[in-house]
């Protein structure tokens, strides 16, 4: 099963189909990064992309630290 989520960026609507189990998580995250009821400019998209990559970087760093502790 899939669910469709939509977002306006640069005055264009983009719809994506995602797994139904993933949809609530993604919708919550998108609502933190974007104006879900209106238009988002490209700067907002870039800021969200950078923010998510920083979160990924920090998660990977923590995972590496935990793996080093486990190996010792």
N, C-alpha and C. Protein backbone atom coordinates (compact mmCIF):
# COMPACT_ATOMS: atom_id res chain seq x y z
N UNK A 1 0.83 -1.18 0.00
CA UNK A 1 0.00 0.00 0.00
C UNK A 1 0.88 1.25 0.00
N UNK A 2 0.43 2.29 -0.65
CA UNK A 2 1.19 3.53 -0.65
C UNK A 2 0.27 4.70 -0.33
N UNK A 3 0.90 5.80 0.04
CA UNK A 3 0.17 7.02 0.35
C UNK A 3 0.84 8.15 -0.41
N UNK A 4 0.04 9.08 -0.91
CA UNK A 4 0.56 10.21 -1.67
C UNK A 4 0.70 11.42 -0.75
N UNK A 5 1.88 12.04 -0.77
CA UNK A 5 2.14 13.28 -0.04
C UNK A 5 2.47 14.36 -1.05
N UNK A 6 2.00 15.59 -0.79
CA UNK A 6 2.24 16.68 -1.73
C UNK A 6 2.91 17.87 -1.07
N UNK A 7 3.64 18.62 -1.89
CA UNK A 7 4.37 19.78 -1.41
C UNK A 7 4.52 20.76 -2.55
N UNK A 8 4.38 22.06 -2.26
CA UNK A 8 4.59 23.11 -3.26
C UNK A 8 5.99 23.70 -3.09
N UNK A 9 6.76 23.63 -4.17
CA UNK A 9 8.11 24.21 -4.19
C UNK A 9 8.24 25.02 -5.47
N UNK A 10 8.63 26.27 -5.31
CA UNK A 10 8.80 27.14 -6.47
C UNK A 10 7.52 27.26 -7.29
N UNK A 11 6.40 27.34 -6.59
CA UNK A 11 5.07 27.47 -7.21
C UNK A 11 4.65 26.26 -8.03
N UNK A 12 5.30 25.13 -7.83
CA UNK A 12 4.91 23.88 -8.50
C UNK A 12 4.58 22.85 -7.43
N UNK A 13 3.57 22.06 -7.69
CA UNK A 13 3.18 21.02 -6.75
C UNK A 13 3.90 19.73 -7.12
N UNK A 14 4.46 19.09 -6.11
CA UNK A 14 5.12 17.81 -6.27
C UNK A 14 4.41 16.80 -5.38
N UNK A 15 4.00 15.70 -5.95
CA UNK A 15 3.38 14.61 -5.21
C UNK A 15 4.30 13.41 -5.25
N UNK A 16 4.44 12.76 -4.12
CA UNK A 16 5.27 11.56 -4.04
C UNK A 16 4.45 10.45 -3.40
N UNK A 17 4.65 9.24 -3.90
CA UNK A 17 4.03 8.06 -3.31
C UNK A 17 5.05 7.38 -2.42
N UNK A 18 4.67 7.14 -1.17
CA UNK A 18 5.56 6.47 -0.22
C UNK A 18 4.80 5.33 0.45
N UNK A 19 5.54 4.41 1.01
CA UNK A 19 4.93 3.30 1.73
C UNK A 19 4.05 3.83 2.85
N UNK A 20 2.92 3.22 3.04
CA UNK A 20 1.97 3.68 4.04
C UNK A 20 2.56 3.70 5.45
N UNK A 21 3.43 2.74 5.76
CA UNK A 21 4.04 2.70 7.10
C UNK A 21 5.05 3.83 7.30
N UNK A 22 5.64 4.32 6.21
CA UNK A 22 6.63 5.38 6.26
C UNK A 22 5.98 6.77 6.21
N UNK A 23 4.79 6.85 5.66
CA UNK A 23 4.11 8.13 5.42
C UNK A 23 3.95 9.00 6.66
N UNK A 24 3.49 8.47 7.81
CA UNK A 24 3.33 9.35 8.98
C UNK A 24 4.65 9.98 9.43
N UNK A 25 5.73 9.20 9.40
CA UNK A 25 7.04 9.73 9.79
C UNK A 25 7.47 10.83 8.83
N UNK A 26 7.37 10.57 7.52
CA UNK A 26 7.79 11.55 6.53
C UNK A 26 6.93 12.81 6.61
N UNK A 27 5.64 12.63 6.78
CA UNK A 27 4.74 13.78 6.87
C UNK A 27 5.10 14.66 8.07
N UNK A 28 5.42 14.03 9.18
CA UNK A 28 5.82 14.79 10.38
C UNK A 28 7.13 15.55 10.12
N UNK A 29 8.11 14.87 9.53
CA UNK A 29 9.38 15.51 9.25
C UNK A 29 9.22 16.65 8.24
N UNK A 30 8.42 16.44 7.21
CA UNK A 30 8.19 17.48 6.21
C UNK A 30 7.51 18.69 6.83
N UNK A 31 6.59 18.45 7.76
CA UNK A 31 5.90 19.58 8.39
C UNK A 31 6.84 20.42 9.25
N UNK A 32 7.94 19.82 9.72
CA UNK A 32 8.95 20.57 10.48
C UNK A 32 9.83 21.40 9.55
N UNK A 33 10.01 20.95 8.32
CA UNK A 33 10.92 21.61 7.39
C UNK A 33 10.24 22.55 6.39
N UNK A 34 8.97 22.30 6.10
CA UNK A 34 8.30 23.02 5.02
C UNK A 34 6.96 23.59 5.47
N UNK A 35 6.49 24.59 4.71
CA UNK A 35 5.13 25.09 4.85
C UNK A 35 4.25 24.14 4.04
N UNK A 36 3.52 23.28 4.71
CA UNK A 36 2.74 22.25 4.03
C UNK A 36 1.48 22.82 3.37
N UNK A 37 1.05 24.02 3.77
CA UNK A 37 -0.17 24.60 3.22
C UNK A 37 0.08 25.64 2.14
N UNK A 38 1.33 26.04 1.95
CA UNK A 38 1.63 27.09 0.98
C UNK A 38 2.86 26.75 0.17
N UNK A 39 3.40 27.76 -0.47
CA UNK A 39 4.55 27.59 -1.34
C UNK A 39 5.85 27.66 -0.54
N UNK A 40 6.84 26.92 -0.98
CA UNK A 40 8.18 26.95 -0.41
C UNK A 40 9.14 27.34 -1.53
N UNK A 41 10.05 28.27 -1.24
CA UNK A 41 11.00 28.62 -2.28
C UNK A 41 12.19 27.65 -2.24
N UNK A 42 13.04 27.77 -3.22
CA UNK A 42 14.17 26.85 -3.33
C UNK A 42 15.14 26.96 -2.16
N UNK A 43 15.25 28.15 -1.56
CA UNK A 43 16.13 28.33 -0.41
C UNK A 43 15.67 27.43 0.75
N UNK A 44 14.37 27.33 0.96
CA UNK A 44 13.83 26.47 2.02
C UNK A 44 14.17 25.02 1.74
N UNK A 45 14.06 24.61 0.49
CA UNK A 45 14.41 23.24 0.11
C UNK A 45 15.88 22.96 0.37
N UNK A 46 16.75 23.88 0.00
CA UNK A 46 18.18 23.71 0.24
C UNK A 46 18.49 23.64 1.73
N UNK A 47 17.86 24.50 2.53
CA UNK A 47 18.08 24.47 3.97
C UNK A 47 17.64 23.14 4.57
N UNK A 48 16.51 22.62 4.13
CA UNK A 48 16.03 21.33 4.63
C UNK A 48 16.99 20.21 4.24
N UNK A 49 17.49 20.25 3.02
CA UNK A 49 18.44 19.24 2.55
C UNK A 49 19.72 19.26 3.39
N UNK A 50 20.24 20.43 3.64
CA UNK A 50 21.46 20.56 4.45
C UNK A 50 21.21 20.10 5.88
N UNK A 51 20.07 20.48 6.45
CA UNK A 51 19.72 20.08 7.82
C UNK A 51 19.63 18.56 7.94
N UNK A 52 18.99 17.91 6.98
CA UNK A 52 18.84 16.45 7.02
C UNK A 52 20.19 15.76 6.84
N UNK A 53 21.05 16.32 6.01
CA UNK A 53 22.37 15.73 5.84
C UNK A 53 23.22 15.90 7.09
N UNK A 54 23.05 17.00 7.80
CA UNK A 54 23.76 17.18 9.06
C UNK A 54 23.27 16.14 10.08
N UNK A 55 21.97 15.90 10.13
CA UNK A 55 21.43 14.88 11.03
C UNK A 55 22.01 13.51 10.68
N UNK A 56 22.08 13.18 9.40
CA UNK A 56 22.64 11.91 8.96
C UNK A 56 24.11 11.81 9.34
N UNK A 57 24.86 12.87 9.16
CA UNK A 57 26.27 12.90 9.53
C UNK A 57 26.45 12.61 11.02
N UNK A 58 25.64 13.26 11.86
CA UNK A 58 25.75 13.06 13.31
C UNK A 58 25.34 11.65 13.71
N UNK A 59 24.33 11.09 13.05
CA UNK A 59 23.92 9.72 13.33
C UNK A 59 25.03 8.74 12.97
N UNK A 60 25.62 8.91 11.82
CA UNK A 60 26.70 8.02 11.39
C UNK A 60 27.90 8.14 12.32
N UNK A 61 28.19 9.34 12.78
CA UNK A 61 29.29 9.55 13.72
C UNK A 61 29.02 8.79 15.02
N UNK A 62 27.78 8.87 15.54
CA UNK A 62 27.43 8.16 16.76
C UNK A 62 27.51 6.65 16.56
N UNK A 63 27.04 6.18 15.42
CA UNK A 63 27.09 4.74 15.14
C UNK A 63 28.53 4.26 15.12
N UNK A 64 29.41 5.03 14.49
CA UNK A 64 30.83 4.67 14.43
C UNK A 64 31.43 4.62 15.84
N UNK A 65 31.08 5.60 16.68
CA UNK A 65 31.58 5.61 18.06
C UNK A 65 31.08 4.39 18.83
N UNK A 66 29.83 4.04 18.66
CA UNK A 66 29.27 2.88 19.35
C UNK A 66 29.93 1.59 18.87
N UNK A 67 30.15 1.48 17.57
CA UNK A 67 30.81 0.29 17.03
C UNK A 67 32.23 0.15 17.55
N UNK A 68 32.93 1.26 17.69
CA UNK A 68 34.30 1.22 18.24
C UNK A 68 34.28 0.73 19.68
N UNK A 69 33.28 1.17 20.47
CA UNK A 69 33.17 0.72 21.85
C UNK A 69 32.87 -0.78 21.93
N UNK A 70 32.03 -1.24 21.03
CA UNK A 70 31.66 -2.66 21.01
C UNK A 70 32.87 -3.52 20.64
N UNK A 71 33.68 -3.05 19.71
CA UNK A 71 34.86 -3.81 19.25
C UNK A 71 35.93 -3.90 20.32
N UNK A 72 35.95 -2.98 21.26
CA UNK A 72 37.00 -2.99 22.31
C UNK A 72 36.67 -3.91 23.42
